[in-house]
Amino acid sequence: MSVAKVTEIITSSSKSFDDAVTKGIKRANKTLKNIKGAWVKDQQLSVSNGKVTDYRVTLKVTFVLKD
């Protein structure tokens, strides 16, 4: 039997939401082993002078615990 855990992380990018997700998963993989999936819980933008300056995502990352 496998047991999974879900953790929430927040990450950002100056390029896009997709880039923020990619960066978040890449960073999570350094400390969380056996990542099996993730979903985007929330997306936010930072705007300055009418231009998007930052794309921020909140991810729920699922990983399987070792026995």
PDB file of N, CA and C in Angstrom:
ATOM      1  N   MET A   1       0.838  -1.174   0.000  1.00  0.00           N
ATOM      2  CA  MET A   1       0.000   0.000   0.000  1.00  0.00           C
ATOM      3  C   MET A   1       0.888   1.244   0.000  1.00  0.00           C
ATOM      4  N   SER A   2       0.533   2.214  -0.818  1.00  0.00           N
ATOM      5  CA  SER A   2       1.262   3.478  -0.879  1.00  0.00           C
ATOM      6  C   SER A   2       0.520   4.555  -0.101  1.00  0.00           C
ATOM      7  N   VAL A   3       1.288   5.440   0.487  1.00  0.00           N
ATOM      8  CA  VAL A   3       0.720   6.586   1.184  1.00  0.00           C
ATOM      9  C   VAL A   3       1.290   7.841   0.533  1.00  0.00           C
ATOM     10  N   ALA A   4       0.409   8.749   0.158  1.00  0.00           N
ATOM     11  CA  ALA A   4       0.839   9.995  -0.488  1.00  0.00           C
ATOM     12  C   ALA A   4       0.601  11.174   0.448  1.00  0.00           C
ATOM     13  N   LYS A   5       1.354  12.222   0.214  1.00  0.00           N
ATOM     14  CA  LYS A   5       1.214  13.446   0.981  1.00  0.00           C
ATOM     15  C   LYS A   5       1.116  14.601  -0.007  1.00  0.00           C
ATOM     16  N   VAL A   6       0.399  15.648   0.375  1.00  0.00           N
ATOM     17  CA  VAL A   6       0.259  16.837  -0.463  1.00  0.00           C
ATOM     18  C   VAL A   6       0.840  18.013   0.306  1.00  0.00           C
ATOM     19  N   THR A   7       1.679  18.785  -0.365  1.00  0.00           N
ATOM     20  CA  THR A   7       2.241  19.991   0.234  1.00  0.00           C
ATOM     21  C   THR A   7       1.968  21.167  -0.683  1.00  0.00           C
ATOM     22  N   GLU A   8       1.871  22.335  -0.115  1.00  0.00           N
ATOM     23  CA  GLU A   8       1.562  23.535  -0.891  1.00  0.00           C
ATOM     24  C   GLU A   8       2.813  24.386  -1.026  1.00  0.00           C
ATOM     25  N   ILE A   9       3.091  24.834  -2.244  1.00  0.00           N
ATOM     26  CA  ILE A   9       4.230  25.725  -2.467  1.00  0.00           C
ATOM     27  C   ILE A   9       3.765  26.924  -3.293  1.00  0.00           C
ATOM     28  N   ILE A  10       4.450  28.028  -3.128  1.00  0.00           N
ATOM     29  CA  ILE A  10       4.187  29.245  -3.891  1.00  0.00           C
ATOM     30  C   ILE A  10       5.451  29.599  -4.646  1.00  0.00           C
ATOM     31  N   THR A  11       5.307  29.883  -5.932  1.00  0.00           N
ATOM     32  CA  THR A  11       6.457  30.200  -6.768  1.00  0.00           C
ATOM     33  C   THR A  11       6.091  31.307  -7.748  1.00  0.00           C
ATOM     34  N   SER A  12       7.091  31.963  -8.309  1.00  0.00           N
ATOM     35  CA  SER A  12       6.801  33.057  -9.229  1.00  0.00           C
ATOM     36  C   SER A  12       7.785  33.088 -10.388  1.00  0.00           C
ATOM     37  N   SER A  13       7.402  33.828 -11.416  1.00  0.00           N
ATOM     38  CA  SER A  13       8.231  33.998 -12.606  1.00  0.00           C
ATOM     39  C   SER A  13       7.918  35.355 -13.213  1.00  0.00           C
ATOM     40  N   SER A  14       8.888  35.933 -13.846  1.00  0.00           N
ATOM     41  CA  SER A  14       8.655  37.189 -14.566  1.00  0.00           C
ATOM     42  C   SER A  14       8.215  36.921 -16.003  1.00  0.00           C
ATOM     43  N   LYS A  15       8.212  35.640 -16.423  1.00  0.00           N
ATOM     44  CA  LYS A  15       7.890  35.284 -17.811  1.00  0.00           C
ATOM     45  C   LYS A  15       6.436  34.888 -18.022  1.00  0.00           C
ATOM     46  N   SER A  16       5.955  33.874 -17.245  1.00  0.00           N
ATOM     47  CA  SER A  16       4.608  33.343 -17.479  1.00  0.00           C
ATOM     48  C   SER A  16       4.177  32.446 -16.323  1.00  0.00           C
ATOM     49  N   PHE A  17       2.870  32.114 -16.327  1.00  0.00           N
ATOM     50  CA  PHE A  17       2.371  31.158 -15.343  1.00  0.00           C
ATOM     51  C   PHE A  17       3.012  29.788 -15.566  1.00  0.00           C
ATOM     52  N   ASP A  18       3.137  29.379 -16.835  1.00  0.00           N
ATOM     53  CA  ASP A  18       3.768  28.087 -17.141  1.00  0.00           C
ATOM     54  C   ASP A  18       5.185  28.021 -16.600  1.00  0.00           C
ATOM     55  N   ASP A  19       5.937  29.100 -16.759  1.00  0.00           N
ATOM     56  CA  ASP A  19       7.314  29.133 -16.261  1.00  0.00           C
ATOM     57  C   ASP A  19       7.334  29.052 -14.737  1.00  0.00           C
ATOM     58  N   ALA A  20       6.388  29.701 -14.079  1.00  0.00           N
ATOM     59  CA  ALA A  20       6.313  29.637 -12.612  1.00  0.00           C
ATOM     60  C   ALA A  20       6.043  28.209 -12.150  1.00  0.00           C
ATOM     61  N   VAL A  21       5.145  27.510 -12.846  1.00  0.00           N
ATOM     62  CA  VAL A  21       4.848  26.112 -12.500  1.00  0.00           C
ATOM     63  C   VAL A  21       6.090  25.251 -12.688  1.00  0.00           C
ATOM     64  N   THR A  22       6.760  25.405 -13.823  1.00  0.00           N
ATOM     65  CA  THR A  22       7.968  24.622 -14.107  1.00  0.00           C
ATOM     66  C   THR A  22       9.036  24.859 -13.054  1.00  0.00           C
ATOM     67  N   LYS A  23       9.265  26.115 -12.695  1.00  0.00           N
ATOM     68  CA  LYS A  23      10.259  26.444 -11.667  1.00  0.00           C
ATOM     69  C   LYS A  23       9.874  25.842 -10.317  1.00  0.00           C
ATOM     70  N   GLY A  24       8.591  25.894  -9.986  1.00  0.00           N
ATOM     71  CA  GLY A  24       8.136  25.350  -8.710  1.00  0.00           C
ATOM     72  C   GLY A  24       8.349  23.852  -8.599  1.00  0.00           C
ATOM     73  N   ILE A  25       8.019  23.122  -9.663  1.00  0.00           N
ATOM     74  CA  ILE A  25       8.196  21.667  -9.652  1.00  0.00           C
ATOM     75  C   ILE A  25       9.685  21.314  -9.620  1.00  0.00           C
ATOM     76  N   LYS A  26      10.473  22.044 -10.386  1.00  0.00           N
ATOM     77  CA  LYS A  26      11.919  21.791 -10.407  1.00  0.00           C
ATOM     78  C   LYS A  26      12.519  21.989  -9.011  1.00  0.00           C
ATOM     79  N   ARG A  27      12.110  23.056  -8.341  1.00  0.00           N
ATOM     80  CA  ARG A  27      12.640  23.327  -6.999  1.00  0.00           C
ATOM     81  C   ARG A  27      12.124  22.315  -5.982  1.00  0.00           C
ATOM     82  N   ALA A  28      10.849  21.971  -6.064  1.00  0.00           N
ATOM     83  CA  ALA A  28      10.275  20.992  -5.129  1.00  0.00           C
ATOM     84  C   ALA A  28      10.967  19.647  -5.260  1.00  0.00           C
ATOM     85  N   ASN A  29      11.360  19.291  -6.475  1.00  0.00           N
ATOM     86  CA  ASN A  29      12.009  18.001  -6.722  1.00  0.00           C
ATOM     87  C   ASN A  29      13.367  17.876  -6.033  1.00  0.00           C
ATOM     88  N   LYS A  30      13.966  19.002  -5.649  1.00  0.00           N
ATOM     89  CA  LYS A  30      15.256  18.954  -4.942  1.00  0.00           C
ATOM     90  C   LYS A  30      15.107  18.393  -3.530  1.00  0.00           C
ATOM     91  N   THR A  31      13.949  18.613  -2.907  1.00  0.00           N
ATOM     92  CA  THR A  31      13.776  18.162  -1.523  1.00  0.00           C
ATOM     93  C   THR A  31      12.665  17.124  -1.352  1.00  0.00           C
ATOM     94  N   LEU A  32      11.715  17.093  -2.269  1.00  0.00           N
ATOM     95  CA  LEU A  32      10.629  16.106  -2.198  1.00  0.00           C
ATOM     96  C   LEU A  32      10.908  15.004  -3.206  1.00  0.00           C
ATOM     97  N   LYS A  33      10.934  13.795  -2.749  1.00  0.00           N
ATOM     98  CA  LYS A  33      11.170  12.657  -3.644  1.00  0.00           C
ATOM     99  C   LYS A  33       9.845  11.994  -3.994  1.00  0.00           C
ATOM    100  N   ASN A  34       9.811  11.311  -5.117  1.00  0.00           N
ATOM    101  CA  ASN A  34       8.632  10.572  -5.580  1.00  0.00           C
ATOM    102  C   ASN A  34       7.438  11.476  -5.874  1.00  0.00           C
ATOM    103  N   ILE A  35       7.685  12.664  -6.463  1.00  0.00           N
ATOM    104  CA  ILE A  35       6.586  13.541  -6.867  1.00  0.00           C
ATOM    105  C   ILE A  35       5.792  12.838  -7.962  1.00  0.00           C
ATOM    106  N   LYS A  36       4.486  12.792  -7.782  1.00  0.00           N
ATOM    107  CA  LYS A  36       3.610  12.093  -8.726  1.00  0.00           C
ATOM    108  C   LYS A  36       2.682  13.029  -9.477  1.00  0.00           C
ATOM    109  N   GLY A  37       2.501  14.245  -8.984  1.00  0.00           N
ATOM    110  CA  GLY A  37       1.612  15.173  -9.669  1.00  0.00           C
ATOM    111  C   GLY A  37       1.482  16.473  -8.908  1.00  0.00           C
ATOM    112  N   ALA A  38       0.779  17.410  -9.529  1.00  0.00           N
ATOM    113  CA  ALA A  38       0.535  18.702  -8.887  1.00  0.00           C
ATOM    114  C   ALA A  38      -0.670  19.343  -9.553  1.00  0.00           C
ATOM    115  N   TRP A  39      -1.292  20.256  -8.843  1.00  0.00           N
ATOM    116  CA  TRP A  39      -2.336  21.049  -9.469  1.00  0.00           C
ATOM    117  C   TRP A  39      -2.210  22.489  -8.999  1.00  0.00           C
ATOM    118  N   VAL A  40      -2.653  23.387  -9.850  1.00  0.00           N
ATOM    119  CA  VAL A  40      -2.573  24.817  -9.562  1.00  0.00           C
ATOM    120  C   VAL A  40      -3.800  25.199  -8.734  1.00  0.00           C
ATOM    121  N   LYS A  41      -3.534  25.626  -7.515  1.00  0.00           N
ATOM    122  CA  LYS A  41      -4.613  26.035  -6.619  1.00  0.00           C
ATOM    123  C   LYS A  41      -5.031  27.478  -6.896  1.00  0.00           C
ATOM    124  N   ASP A  42      -4.035  28.325  -7.234  1.00  0.00           N
ATOM    125  CA  ASP A  42      -4.318  29.751  -7.391  1.00  0.00           C
ATOM    126  C   ASP A  42      -3.294  30.379  -8.324  1.00  0.00           C
ATOM    127  N   GLN A  43      -3.696  31.421  -9.020  1.00  0.00           N
ATOM    128  CA  GLN A  43      -2.806  32.210  -9.864  1.00  0.00           C
ATOM    129  C   GLN A  43      -3.011  33.683  -9.528  1.00  0.00           C
ATOM    130  N   GLN A  44      -1.911  34.443  -9.504  1.00  0.00           N
ATOM    131  CA  GLN A  44      -1.976  35.874  -9.229  1.00  0.00           C
ATOM    132  C   GLN A  44      -0.995  36.606 -10.119  1.00  0.00           C
ATOM    133  N   LEU A  45      -1.288  37.863 -10.367  1.00  0.00           N
ATOM    134  CA  LEU A  45      -0.389  38.719 -11.134  1.00  0.00           C
ATOM    135  C   LEU A  45       0.016  39.912 -10.288  1.00  0.00           C
ATOM    136  N   SER A  46       1.230  40.380 -10.511  1.00  0.00           N
ATOM    137  CA  SER A  46       1.650  41.669  -9.976  1.00  0.00           C
ATOM    138  C   SER A  46       1.731  42.616 -11.176  1.00  0.00           C
ATOM    139  N   VAL A  47       1.201  43.815 -11.010  1.00  0.00           N
ATOM    140  CA  VAL A  47       1.155  44.785 -12.101  1.00  0.00           C
ATOM    141  C   VAL A  47       1.784  46.089 -11.629  1.00  0.00           C
ATOM    142  N   SER A  48       2.590  46.682 -12.509  1.00  0.00           N
ATOM    143  CA  SER A  48       3.201  47.972 -12.229  1.00  0.00           C
ATOM    144  C   SER A  48       3.114  48.831 -13.487  1.00  0.00           C
ATOM    145  N   ASN A  49       2.565  50.013 -13.349  1.00  0.00           N
ATOM    146  CA  ASN A  49       2.415  50.939 -14.486  1.00  0.00           C
ATOM    147  C   ASN A  49       1.693  50.298 -15.663  1.00  0.00           C
ATOM    148  N   GLY A  50       0.684  49.484 -15.365  1.00  0.00           N
ATOM    149  CA  GLY A  50      -0.113  48.863 -16.409  1.00  0.00           C
ATOM    150  C   GLY A  50       0.518  47.666 -17.088  1.00  0.00           C
ATOM    151  N   LYS A  51       1.661  47.198 -16.581  1.00  0.00           N
ATOM    152  CA  LYS A  51       2.344  46.044 -17.168  1.00  0.00           C
ATOM    153  C   LYS A  51       2.484  44.937 -16.135  1.00  0.00           C
ATOM    154  N   VAL A  52       2.337  43.692 -16.605  1.00  0.00           N
ATOM    155  CA  VAL A  52       2.521  42.539 -15.716  1.00  0.00           C
ATOM    156  C   VAL A  52       4.005  42.414 -15.379  1.00  0.00           C
ATOM    157  N   THR A  53       4.307  42.355 -14.095  1.00  0.00           N
ATOM    158  CA  THR A  53       5.710  42.254 -13.658  1.00  0.00           C
ATOM    159  C   THR A  53       6.032  40.897 -13.050  1.00  0.00           C
ATOM    160  N   ASP A  54       4.993  40.171 -12.613  1.00  0.00           N
ATOM    161  CA  ASP A  54       5.255  38.911 -11.928  1.00  0.00           C
ATOM    162  C   ASP A  54       4.040  37.996 -12.042  1.00  0.00           C
ATOM    163  N   TYR A  55       4.293  36.733 -12.351  1.00  0.00           N
ATOM    164  CA  TYR A  55       3.260  35.695 -12.397  1.00  0.00           C
ATOM    165  C   TYR A  55       3.495  34.779 -11.208  1.00  0.00           C
ATOM    166  N   ARG A  56       2.492  34.632 -10.369  1.00  0.00           N
ATOM    167  CA  ARG A  56       2.649  33.839  -9.153  1.00  0.00           C
ATOM    168  C   ARG A  56       1.625  32.705  -9.137  1.00  0.00           C
ATOM    169  N   VAL A  57       2.067  31.508  -8.770  1.00  0.00           N
ATOM    170  CA  VAL A  57       1.162  30.368  -8.660  1.00  0.00           C
ATOM    171  C   VAL A  57       1.318  29.695  -7.301  1.00  0.00           C
ATOM    172  N   THR A  58       0.211  29.176  -6.816  1.00  0.00           N
ATOM    173  CA  THR A  58       0.208  28.332  -5.629  1.00  0.00           C
ATOM    174  C   THR A  58      -0.059  26.916  -6.120  1.00  0.00           C
ATOM    175  N   LEU A  59       0.869  26.020  -5.840  1.00  0.00           N
ATOM    176  CA  LEU A  59       0.778  24.634  -6.299  1.00  0.00           C
ATOM    177  C   LEU A  59       0.531  23.693  -5.128  1.00  0.00           C
ATOM    178  N   LYS A  60      -0.276  22.670  -5.362  1.00  0.00           N
ATOM    179  CA  LYS A  60      -0.431  21.555  -4.438  1.00  0.00           C
ATOM    180  C   LYS A  60       0.321  20.400  -5.066  1.00  0.00           C
ATOM    181  N   VAL A  61       1.425  19.994  -4.441  1.00  0.00           N
ATOM    182  CA  VAL A  61       2.304  18.961  -4.979  1.00  0.00           C
ATOM    183  C   VAL A  61       2.065  17.653  -4.231  1.00  0.00           C
ATOM    184  N   THR A  62       1.821  16.578  -4.981  1.00  0.00           N
ATOM    185  CA  THR A  62       1.579  15.254  -4.405  1.00  0.00           C
ATOM    186  C   THR A  62       2.813  14.381  -4.566  1.00  0.00           C
ATOM    187  N   PHE A  63       3.249  13.774  -3.468  1.00  0.00           N
ATOM    188  CA  PHE A  63       4.386  12.861  -3.524  1.00  0.00           C
ATOM    189  C   PHE A  63       4.103  11.634  -2.650  1.00  0.00           C
ATOM    190  N   VAL A  64       4.709  10.506  -3.031  1.00  0.00           N
ATOM    191  CA  VAL A  64       4.497   9.246  -2.324  1.00  0.00           C
ATOM    192  C   VAL A  64       5.574   9.088  -1.269  1.00  0.00           C
ATOM    193  N   LEU A  65       5.151   8.746  -0.049  1.00  0.00           N
ATOM    194  CA  LEU A  65       6.084   8.534   1.055  1.00  0.00           C
ATOM    195  C   LEU A  65       6.742   7.171   0.938  1.00  0.00           C
ATOM    196  N   LYS A  66       7.998   7.101   1.330  1.00  0.00           N
ATOM    197  CA  LYS A  66       8.696   5.816   1.330  1.00  0.00           C
ATOM    198  C   LYS A  66       8.203   4.963   2.493  1.00  0.00           C
ATOM    199  N   ASP A  67       8.243   3.635   2.295  1.00  0.00           N
ATOM    200  CA  ASP A  67       7.832   2.713   3.363  1.00  0.00           C
ATOM    201  C   ASP A  67       8.851   2.666   4.470  1.00  0.00           C
TER     202      ASP A  67
END
